[in-house]
Structure formats: C-alpha cells, structure tokens
C-alpha cells in the first residue's frame, strides 16, 4: 500500500444496501456479478462523501475506468438482507487507484473484493496522472455522511 495521509482501511466509507429481488437468482441468493454493481455504488458514494463525484473529475478531462476486478466469496448475501458495503483506497500510484471492498451482514464478512482503475485523458484516451484534485479527495475523511442508496 502506498503510504499517504488518508489512504488505507482506516479511511473507509460504508454504504448500506437492501438486497433487491432483482439482485438474486431463483434461490434468493445474490447473483455473483451483482456484487460488482454494489462495488460501483459504494465507490461512487465514497467519492461523493469526499465532495468529488466522478462527474467533476470527468469535467476536468480525466476518466478513471476499471482495468481489473476481483472477488472472493465467503457466504452469500440473500434477498431482503440489509448489508454494509465497506470501501477504501488500498493503493494509489501516479496513474492508478485500487479500491478494496468488504460486504457484511450483521457483522459477518460475506464478500471481499477489489477494483483497479487507471487515469486516462478524455481527449486522447491515453494514460495520465491521477489528478491532484482526485488524490486530495481520496486523502480526505468523509465530509458528507449518510449518502442514501436504496
């Protein structure tokens, strides 16, 4: 992990999410790929809570697309459960940001995952440095808490 002020598991956000019927398969178990949608929701909330939604970064000419993702399943999430999706920045380099995620139900770890993202220039679609504004936001603690998502 890159050592910077606010990076790491101690600077996290938690998004509460009620499992929808549409998230599940016929058995009432969350379909495996839906966890990646949850990661995206938690990551977006993490950035909004640090006063820098992706729309601002993109308006500045930089996108942060996904380049790699991984997940480890311990126990399934089930229909109607209210889960906590914990997200934090686990690593950052000049051109990449890695987010880590854990999904809990009533304090029990269900899922652990990650996503890697590369900074690219919108005009050239080539790698670029992670914008200082984005990096500064990642260093901040939450300032807007209680971001709702279902």
N, C-alpha and C. Protein backbone atom coordinates (compact mmCIF):
# COMPACT_ATOMS: atom_id res chain seq x y z
N UNK A 1 0.83 -1.17 0.00
CA UNK A 1 0.00 0.00 0.00
C UNK A 1 0.88 1.24 0.00
N UNK A 2 0.53 2.22 -0.79
CA UNK A 2 1.25 3.48 -0.82
C UNK A 2 0.92 4.25 0.46
N UNK A 3 1.93 4.73 1.13
CA UNK A 3 1.71 5.48 2.37
C UNK A 3 1.41 6.93 2.04
N UNK A 4 0.18 7.33 2.23
CA UNK A 4 -0.25 8.70 2.06
C UNK A 4 -1.24 8.97 3.17
N UNK A 5 -1.51 10.23 3.45
CA UNK A 5 -2.29 10.64 4.61
C UNK A 5 -3.53 9.81 4.90
N UNK A 6 -4.51 9.85 4.02
CA UNK A 6 -5.79 9.25 4.35
C UNK A 6 -6.07 7.94 3.68
N UNK A 7 -5.10 7.32 3.05
CA UNK A 7 -5.36 6.07 2.35
C UNK A 7 -5.27 4.90 3.32
N UNK A 8 -6.01 3.88 3.03
CA UNK A 8 -5.96 2.67 3.82
C UNK A 8 -7.30 2.37 4.46
N UNK A 9 -7.40 1.21 5.07
CA UNK A 9 -8.68 0.75 5.60
C UNK A 9 -9.24 1.61 6.73
N UNK A 10 -8.40 2.47 7.33
CA UNK A 10 -8.92 3.33 8.40
C UNK A 10 -9.71 4.52 7.84
N UNK A 11 -9.60 4.81 6.54
CA UNK A 11 -10.34 5.91 5.91
C UNK A 11 -11.35 5.29 4.93
N UNK A 12 -12.38 4.73 5.49
CA UNK A 12 -13.36 3.99 4.69
C UNK A 12 -14.72 4.68 4.71
N UNK A 13 -15.58 4.22 3.86
CA UNK A 13 -16.99 4.58 3.87
C UNK A 13 -17.79 3.29 3.90
N UNK A 14 -18.98 3.36 4.46
CA UNK A 14 -19.89 2.22 4.45
C UNK A 14 -21.19 2.65 3.80
N UNK A 15 -21.59 1.88 2.82
CA UNK A 15 -22.86 2.08 2.14
C UNK A 15 -23.80 0.97 2.58
N UNK A 16 -24.95 1.34 3.11
CA UNK A 16 -25.97 0.35 3.47
C UNK A 16 -26.81 0.06 2.23
N UNK A 17 -27.08 -1.22 2.01
CA UNK A 17 -27.81 -1.62 0.80
C UNK A 17 -28.78 -2.75 1.14
N UNK A 18 -30.03 -2.57 0.74
CA UNK A 18 -31.05 -3.62 0.92
C UNK A 18 -31.04 -4.50 -0.33
N UNK A 19 -30.81 -5.79 -0.16
CA UNK A 19 -30.75 -6.70 -1.29
C UNK A 19 -32.13 -6.76 -1.96
N UNK A 20 -32.15 -6.45 -3.24
CA UNK A 20 -33.37 -6.47 -4.03
C UNK A 20 -33.64 -7.86 -4.59
N UNK A 21 -34.88 -8.13 -4.89
CA UNK A 21 -35.23 -9.39 -5.54
C UNK A 21 -34.48 -9.50 -6.87
N UNK A 22 -34.35 -8.37 -7.58
CA UNK A 22 -33.66 -8.35 -8.88
C UNK A 22 -32.18 -8.68 -8.75
N UNK A 23 -31.61 -8.58 -7.56
CA UNK A 23 -30.20 -8.92 -7.33
C UNK A 23 -29.98 -10.42 -7.22
N UNK A 24 -31.06 -11.16 -7.03
CA UNK A 24 -30.91 -12.57 -6.68
C UNK A 24 -31.26 -13.52 -7.82
N UNK A 25 -30.85 -14.77 -7.63
CA UNK A 25 -31.23 -15.83 -8.57
C UNK A 25 -32.49 -16.51 -8.04
N UNK A 26 -32.88 -17.58 -8.65
CA UNK A 26 -34.10 -18.30 -8.30
C UNK A 26 -34.08 -18.79 -6.85
N UNK A 27 -32.89 -18.98 -6.28
CA UNK A 27 -32.76 -19.48 -4.92
C UNK A 27 -32.77 -18.37 -3.87
N UNK A 28 -32.89 -17.10 -4.32
CA UNK A 28 -32.87 -15.99 -3.37
C UNK A 28 -31.48 -15.58 -2.95
N UNK A 29 -30.46 -16.07 -3.67
CA UNK A 29 -29.06 -15.75 -3.38
C UNK A 29 -28.59 -14.70 -4.39
N UNK A 30 -27.83 -13.73 -3.92
CA UNK A 30 -27.34 -12.69 -4.83
C UNK A 30 -26.51 -13.33 -5.93
N UNK A 31 -26.85 -12.98 -7.17
CA UNK A 31 -26.12 -13.47 -8.33
C UNK A 31 -24.73 -12.87 -8.31
N UNK A 32 -23.70 -13.68 -8.56
CA UNK A 32 -22.30 -13.31 -8.32
C UNK A 32 -21.87 -11.99 -8.96
N UNK A 33 -22.30 -11.69 -10.17
CA UNK A 33 -21.82 -10.46 -10.82
C UNK A 33 -22.45 -9.20 -10.24
N UNK A 34 -23.55 -9.32 -9.52
CA UNK A 34 -24.18 -8.13 -8.94
C UNK A 34 -23.33 -7.46 -7.87
N UNK A 35 -22.43 -8.22 -7.26
CA UNK A 35 -21.55 -7.61 -6.26
C UNK A 35 -20.71 -6.50 -6.89
N UNK A 36 -20.35 -6.64 -8.16
CA UNK A 36 -19.57 -5.59 -8.82
C UNK A 36 -20.39 -4.31 -8.99
N UNK A 37 -21.70 -4.44 -9.18
CA UNK A 37 -22.57 -3.25 -9.22
C UNK A 37 -22.57 -2.58 -7.84
N UNK A 38 -22.61 -3.39 -6.81
CA UNK A 38 -22.58 -2.85 -5.45
C UNK A 38 -21.27 -2.13 -5.19
N UNK A 39 -20.16 -2.69 -5.68
CA UNK A 39 -18.87 -2.04 -5.52
C UNK A 39 -18.89 -0.66 -6.18
N UNK A 40 -19.48 -0.59 -7.37
CA UNK A 40 -19.56 0.69 -8.06
C UNK A 40 -20.39 1.70 -7.27
N UNK A 41 -21.50 1.26 -6.73
CA UNK A 41 -22.35 2.14 -5.92
C UNK A 41 -21.58 2.64 -4.70
N UNK A 42 -20.86 1.76 -4.03
CA UNK A 42 -20.10 2.13 -2.83
C UNK A 42 -18.96 3.08 -3.19
N UNK A 43 -18.29 2.82 -4.31
CA UNK A 43 -17.18 3.68 -4.76
C UNK A 43 -17.69 5.08 -5.09
N UNK A 44 -18.80 5.16 -5.79
CA UNK A 44 -19.40 6.47 -6.10
C UNK A 44 -19.79 7.22 -4.85
N UNK A 45 -20.37 6.51 -3.89
CA UNK A 45 -20.73 7.13 -2.61
C UNK A 45 -19.50 7.61 -1.86
N UNK A 46 -18.44 6.80 -1.89
CA UNK A 46 -17.17 7.15 -1.24
C UNK A 46 -16.66 8.50 -1.79
N UNK A 47 -16.72 8.66 -3.11
CA UNK A 47 -16.23 9.89 -3.72
C UNK A 47 -17.16 11.07 -3.42
N UNK A 48 -18.47 10.86 -3.47
CA UNK A 48 -19.41 11.95 -3.15
C UNK A 48 -19.22 12.41 -1.71
N UNK A 49 -18.98 11.47 -0.80
CA UNK A 49 -18.79 11.81 0.61
C UNK A 49 -17.50 12.59 0.83
N UNK A 50 -16.64 12.60 -0.15
CA UNK A 50 -15.41 13.38 -0.10
C UNK A 50 -15.49 14.58 -1.04
N UNK A 51 -16.71 14.91 -1.42
CA UNK A 51 -17.04 16.11 -2.21
C UNK A 51 -16.40 16.13 -3.59
N UNK A 52 -16.21 14.95 -4.19
CA UNK A 52 -15.70 14.90 -5.55
C UNK A 52 -16.35 13.75 -6.32
N UNK A 53 -17.59 13.95 -6.76
CA UNK A 53 -18.20 12.91 -7.60
C UNK A 53 -17.43 12.78 -8.91
N UNK A 54 -17.56 11.63 -9.54
CA UNK A 54 -16.83 11.37 -10.78
C UNK A 54 -17.14 12.41 -11.86
N UNK A 55 -18.34 12.99 -11.83
CA UNK A 55 -18.69 13.97 -12.85
C UNK A 55 -17.73 15.15 -12.85
N UNK A 56 -17.25 15.54 -11.69
CA UNK A 56 -16.30 16.66 -11.60
C UNK A 56 -14.95 16.26 -12.20
N UNK A 57 -14.48 15.05 -11.88
CA UNK A 57 -13.21 14.56 -12.43
C UNK A 57 -13.29 14.50 -13.95
N UNK A 58 -14.40 13.96 -14.46
CA UNK A 58 -14.57 13.84 -15.91
C UNK A 58 -14.67 15.21 -16.58
N UNK A 59 -15.34 16.15 -15.93
CA UNK A 59 -15.44 17.50 -16.49
C UNK A 59 -14.06 18.15 -16.57
N UNK A 60 -13.13 17.73 -15.70
CA UNK A 60 -11.76 18.22 -15.73
C UNK A 60 -10.88 17.54 -16.77
N UNK A 61 -11.45 16.58 -17.51
CA UNK A 61 -10.70 15.95 -18.59
C UNK A 61 -10.08 14.60 -18.28
N UNK A 62 -10.42 14.02 -17.10
CA UNK A 62 -9.85 12.73 -16.73
C UNK A 62 -10.96 11.74 -16.40
N UNK A 63 -10.85 10.55 -16.93
CA UNK A 63 -11.73 9.46 -16.54
C UNK A 63 -10.91 8.44 -15.76
N UNK A 64 -11.60 7.66 -14.94
CA UNK A 64 -10.93 6.66 -14.10
C UNK A 64 -11.60 5.30 -14.37
N UNK A 65 -11.39 4.73 -15.57
CA UNK A 65 -12.07 3.48 -15.91
C UNK A 65 -11.49 2.27 -15.17
N UNK A 66 -12.32 1.27 -15.06
CA UNK A 66 -11.95 0.00 -14.46
C UNK A 66 -10.96 -0.74 -15.36
N UNK A 67 -9.89 -1.28 -14.78
CA UNK A 67 -8.93 -2.08 -15.53
C UNK A 67 -8.83 -3.52 -15.05
N UNK A 68 -9.26 -3.76 -13.81
CA UNK A 68 -9.19 -5.11 -13.25
C UNK A 68 -10.12 -5.19 -12.05
N UNK A 69 -10.70 -6.36 -11.82
CA UNK A 69 -11.57 -6.56 -10.67
C UNK A 69 -11.44 -7.99 -10.17
N UNK A 70 -11.62 -8.15 -8.89
CA UNK A 70 -11.56 -9.48 -8.31
C UNK A 70 -12.49 -9.58 -7.11
N UNK A 71 -12.87 -10.80 -6.80
CA UNK A 71 -13.81 -11.01 -5.70
C UNK A 71 -13.56 -12.37 -5.07
N UNK A 72 -13.80 -12.46 -3.77
CA UNK A 72 -13.74 -13.73 -3.05
C UNK A 72 -15.04 -13.86 -2.26
N UNK A 73 -15.70 -14.98 -2.46
CA UNK A 73 -17.00 -15.22 -1.83
C UNK A 73 -16.82 -16.11 -0.60
N UNK A 74 -17.32 -15.63 0.54
CA UNK A 74 -17.26 -16.42 1.76
C UNK A 74 -18.62 -17.01 2.10
N UNK A 75 -19.65 -16.16 2.04
CA UNK A 75 -21.03 -16.58 2.27
C UNK A 75 -21.91 -15.74 1.36
N UNK A 76 -23.05 -16.27 0.95
CA UNK A 76 -23.91 -15.50 0.06
C UNK A 76 -24.72 -14.44 0.80
N UNK A 77 -25.01 -13.37 0.11
CA UNK A 77 -26.00 -12.40 0.57
C UNK A 77 -27.35 -12.87 0.04
N UNK A 78 -28.40 -12.61 0.81
CA UNK A 78 -29.72 -13.13 0.49
C UNK A 78 -30.73 -12.00 0.32
N UNK A 79 -31.79 -12.31 -0.40
CA UNK A 79 -32.88 -11.36 -0.61
C UNK A 79 -33.35 -10.75 0.71
N UNK A 80 -33.55 -9.43 0.69
CA UNK A 80 -34.06 -8.62 1.80
C UNK A 80 -33.03 -8.33 2.89
N UNK A 81 -31.84 -8.90 2.84
CA UNK A 81 -30.85 -8.57 3.86
C UNK A 81 -30.41 -7.11 3.68
N UNK A 82 -30.15 -6.45 4.79
CA UNK A 82 -29.57 -5.11 4.77
C UNK A 82 -28.08 -5.28 5.02
N UNK A 83 -27.29 -5.10 3.96
CA UNK A 83 -25.85 -5.35 4.06
C UNK A 83 -25.09 -4.03 4.15
N UNK A 84 -23.89 -4.11 4.70
CA UNK A 84 -22.97 -2.98 4.74
C UNK A 84 -21.87 -3.25 3.73
N UNK A 85 -21.65 -2.30 2.83
CA UNK A 85 -20.59 -2.41 1.84
C UNK A 85 -19.51 -1.41 2.24
N UNK A 86 -18.38 -1.91 2.69
CA UNK A 86 -17.27 -1.08 3.15
C UNK A 86 -16.30 -0.90 1.98
N UNK A 87 -15.84 0.33 1.76
CA UNK A 87 -14.92 0.62 0.66
C UNK A 87 -13.82 1.56 1.16
N UNK A 88 -12.61 1.35 0.64
CA UNK A 88 -11.49 2.25 0.93
C UNK A 88 -10.48 2.16 -0.20
N UNK A 89 -9.57 3.11 -0.25
CA UNK A 89 -8.48 3.08 -1.22
C UNK A 89 -7.36 2.25 -0.60
N UNK A 90 -6.99 1.17 -1.29
CA UNK A 90 -5.94 0.31 -0.75
C UNK A 90 -4.57 0.60 -1.36
N UNK A 91 -4.54 1.29 -2.51
CA UNK A 91 -3.26 1.62 -3.14
C UNK A 91 -3.49 2.71 -4.18
N UNK A 92 -2.47 3.51 -4.38
CA UNK A 92 -2.52 4.52 -5.43
C UNK A 92 -1.10 4.72 -5.97
N UNK A 93 -1.02 4.85 -7.28
CA UNK A 93 0.25 5.17 -7.93
C UNK A 93 0.01 6.44 -8.74
N UNK A 94 0.98 6.82 -9.53
CA UNK A 94 0.84 8.04 -10.32
C UNK A 94 -0.33 7.96 -11.30
N UNK A 95 -0.64 6.76 -11.79
CA UNK A 95 -1.68 6.64 -12.82
C UNK A 95 -2.79 5.65 -12.47
N UNK A 96 -2.74 5.02 -11.29
CA UNK A 96 -3.76 4.04 -10.94
C UNK A 96 -4.23 4.18 -9.50
N UNK A 97 -5.49 3.77 -9.29
CA UNK A 97 -6.08 3.74 -7.96
C UNK A 97 -6.72 2.37 -7.76
N UNK A 98 -6.46 1.77 -6.60
CA UNK A 98 -7.06 0.48 -6.27
C UNK A 98 -7.99 0.66 -5.07
N UNK A 99 -9.23 0.22 -5.24
CA UNK A 99 -10.21 0.25 -4.16
C UNK A 99 -10.41 -1.16 -3.63
N UNK A 100 -10.62 -1.27 -2.32
CA UNK A 100 -10.91 -2.55 -1.68
C UNK A 100 -12.33 -2.48 -1.11
N UNK A 101 -12.97 -3.65 -1.05
CA UNK A 101 -14.36 -3.72 -0.60
C UNK A 101 -14.55 -4.93 0.30
N UNK A 102 -15.44 -4.78 1.27
CA UNK A 102 -15.91 -5.90 2.07
C UNK A 102 -17.41 -5.72 2.25
N UNK A 103 -18.14 -6.82 2.13
CA UNK A 103 -19.59 -6.81 2.31
C UNK A 103 -19.90 -7.61 3.57
N UNK A 104 -20.68 -7.01 4.47
CA UNK A 104 -21.03 -7.63 5.74
C UNK A 104 -22.54 -7.72 5.89
N UNK A 105 -22.98 -8.75 6.57
CA UNK A 105 -24.37 -8.84 7.04
C UNK A 105 -24.31 -9.12 8.53
N UNK A 106 -24.87 -8.20 9.30
CA UNK A 106 -24.88 -8.30 10.76
C UNK A 106 -23.48 -8.61 11.31
N UNK A 107 -22.48 -7.91 10.76
CA UNK A 107 -21.10 -8.02 11.24
C UNK A 107 -20.32 -9.18 10.68
N UNK A 108 -20.96 -10.07 9.92
CA UNK A 108 -20.27 -11.23 9.36
C UNK A 108 -19.80 -10.93 7.93
N UNK A 109 -18.52 -11.19 7.66
CA UNK A 109 -17.96 -10.96 6.34
C UNK A 109 -18.52 -11.95 5.33
N UNK A 110 -19.13 -11.41 4.26
CA UNK A 110 -19.67 -12.24 3.19
C UNK A 110 -18.77 -12.26 1.96
N UNK A 111 -18.25 -11.09 1.60
CA UNK A 111 -17.54 -10.91 0.34
C UNK A 111 -16.34 -9.99 0.57
N UNK A 112 -15.25 -10.26 -0.13
CA UNK A 112 -14.09 -9.35 -0.16
C UNK A 112 -13.71 -9.18 -1.62
N UNK A 113 -13.45 -7.93 -2.05
CA UNK A 113 -13.09 -7.71 -3.44
C UNK A 113 -12.24 -6.48 -3.64
N UNK A 114 -11.90 -6.23 -4.90
CA UNK A 114 -11.10 -5.06 -5.26
C UNK A 114 -11.44 -4.65 -6.69
N UNK A 115 -11.16 -3.39 -6.99
CA UNK A 115 -11.18 -2.90 -8.36
C UNK A 115 -9.97 -2.00 -8.57
N UNK A 116 -9.32 -2.14 -9.72
CA UNK A 116 -8.22 -1.26 -10.11
C UNK A 116 -8.74 -0.33 -11.20
N UNK A 117 -8.28 0.92 -11.15
CA UNK A 117 -8.72 1.94 -12.10
C UNK A 117 -7.51 2.72 -12.59
N UNK A 118 -7.47 3.01 -13.87
CA UNK A 118 -6.39 3.80 -14.45
C UNK A 118 -6.92 5.18 -14.81
N UNK A 119 -6.11 6.19 -14.61
CA UNK A 119 -6.47 7.55 -15.03
C UNK A 119 -6.15 7.69 -16.51
N UNK A 120 -7.14 8.17 -17.29
CA UNK A 120 -6.90 8.43 -18.71
C UNK A 120 -7.39 9.81 -19.08
N UNK A 121 -6.71 10.41 -20.05
CA UNK A 121 -7.10 11.70 -20.59
C UNK A 121 -8.30 11.48 -21.50
N UNK A 122 -9.38 12.22 -21.28
CA UNK A 122 -10.61 12.04 -22.06
C UNK A 122 -10.37 12.33 -23.54
N UNK A 123 -9.59 13.32 -23.86
CA UNK A 123 -9.35 13.70 -25.25
C UNK A 123 -8.51 12.71 -26.03
N UNK A 124 -7.45 12.19 -25.39
CA UNK A 124 -6.54 11.29 -26.10
C UNK A 124 -6.78 9.82 -25.81
N UNK A 125 -7.54 9.54 -24.74
CA UNK A 125 -7.78 8.16 -24.28
C UNK A 125 -6.47 7.45 -23.92
N UNK A 126 -5.47 8.22 -23.50
CA UNK A 126 -4.17 7.68 -23.11
C UNK A 126 -4.01 7.85 -21.59
N UNK A 127 -3.17 7.02 -20.98
CA UNK A 127 -2.93 7.15 -19.54
C UNK A 127 -2.42 8.55 -19.19
N UNK A 128 -2.83 9.00 -18.02
CA UNK A 128 -2.39 10.29 -17.50
C UNK A 128 -2.25 10.16 -15.98
N UNK A 129 -1.69 11.15 -15.36
CA UNK A 129 -1.54 11.14 -13.90
C UNK A 129 -2.91 11.26 -13.24
N UNK A 130 -3.04 10.61 -12.08
CA UNK A 130 -4.24 10.80 -11.27
C UNK A 130 -4.28 12.28 -10.90
N UNK A 131 -5.38 12.98 -11.21
CA UNK A 131 -5.43 14.42 -10.93
C UNK A 131 -5.24 14.72 -9.44
N UNK A 132 -4.54 15.81 -9.16
CA UNK A 132 -4.30 16.20 -7.77
C UNK A 132 -5.61 16.36 -7.02
N UNK A 133 -6.61 16.94 -7.66
CA UNK A 133 -7.92 17.13 -7.05
C UNK A 133 -8.52 15.78 -6.61
N UNK A 134 -8.35 14.76 -7.44
CA UNK A 134 -8.86 13.42 -7.13
C UNK A 134 -8.07 12.82 -5.97
N UNK A 135 -6.75 12.93 -6.04
CA UNK A 135 -5.90 12.41 -4.97
C UNK A 135 -6.18 13.11 -3.65
N UNK A 136 -6.37 14.44 -3.68
CA UNK A 136 -6.71 15.19 -2.47
C UNK A 136 -8.02 14.69 -1.87
N UNK A 137 -9.01 14.42 -2.73
CA UNK A 137 -10.30 13.92 -2.24
C UNK A 137 -10.13 12.55 -1.58
N UNK A 138 -9.29 11.70 -2.16
CA UNK A 138 -9.06 10.38 -1.58
C UNK A 138 -8.41 10.48 -0.20
N UNK A 139 -7.62 11.52 0.00
CA UNK A 139 -6.95 11.74 1.29
C UNK A 139 -7.90 12.26 2.36
N UNK A 140 -9.03 12.86 1.94
CA UNK A 140 -9.97 13.45 2.90
C UNK A 140 -10.80 12.38 3.61
N UNK A 141 -11.19 12.73 4.81
CA UNK A 141 -12.17 11.92 5.53
C UNK A 141 -13.55 12.28 4.98
N UNK A 142 -14.53 11.48 5.29
CA UNK A 142 -15.89 11.78 4.85
C UNK A 142 -16.32 13.15 5.36
N UNK A 143 -16.94 13.91 4.49
CA UNK A 143 -17.49 15.20 4.91
C UNK A 143 -19.00 15.24 4.72
N UNK A 144 -19.52 14.44 3.82
CA UNK A 144 -20.96 14.36 3.58
C UNK A 144 -21.39 12.95 3.90
N UNK A 145 -21.87 12.71 5.10
CA UNK A 145 -22.24 11.36 5.51
C UNK A 145 -23.71 11.08 5.22
N UNK A 146 -24.04 9.81 5.24
CA UNK A 146 -25.42 9.41 5.08
C UNK A 146 -25.91 9.41 3.66
N UNK A 147 -25.01 9.29 2.69
CA UNK A 147 -25.38 9.24 1.29
C UNK A 147 -26.32 8.06 1.06
N UNK A 148 -27.56 8.30 0.65
CA UNK A 148 -28.51 7.19 0.50
C UNK A 148 -28.33 6.43 -0.79
N UNK A 149 -28.56 5.14 -0.75
CA UNK A 149 -28.64 4.31 -1.94
C UNK A 149 -29.55 3.14 -1.60
N UNK A 150 -30.80 3.23 -1.85
CA UNK A 150 -31.84 2.26 -1.54
C UNK A 150 -32.07 2.13 -0.06
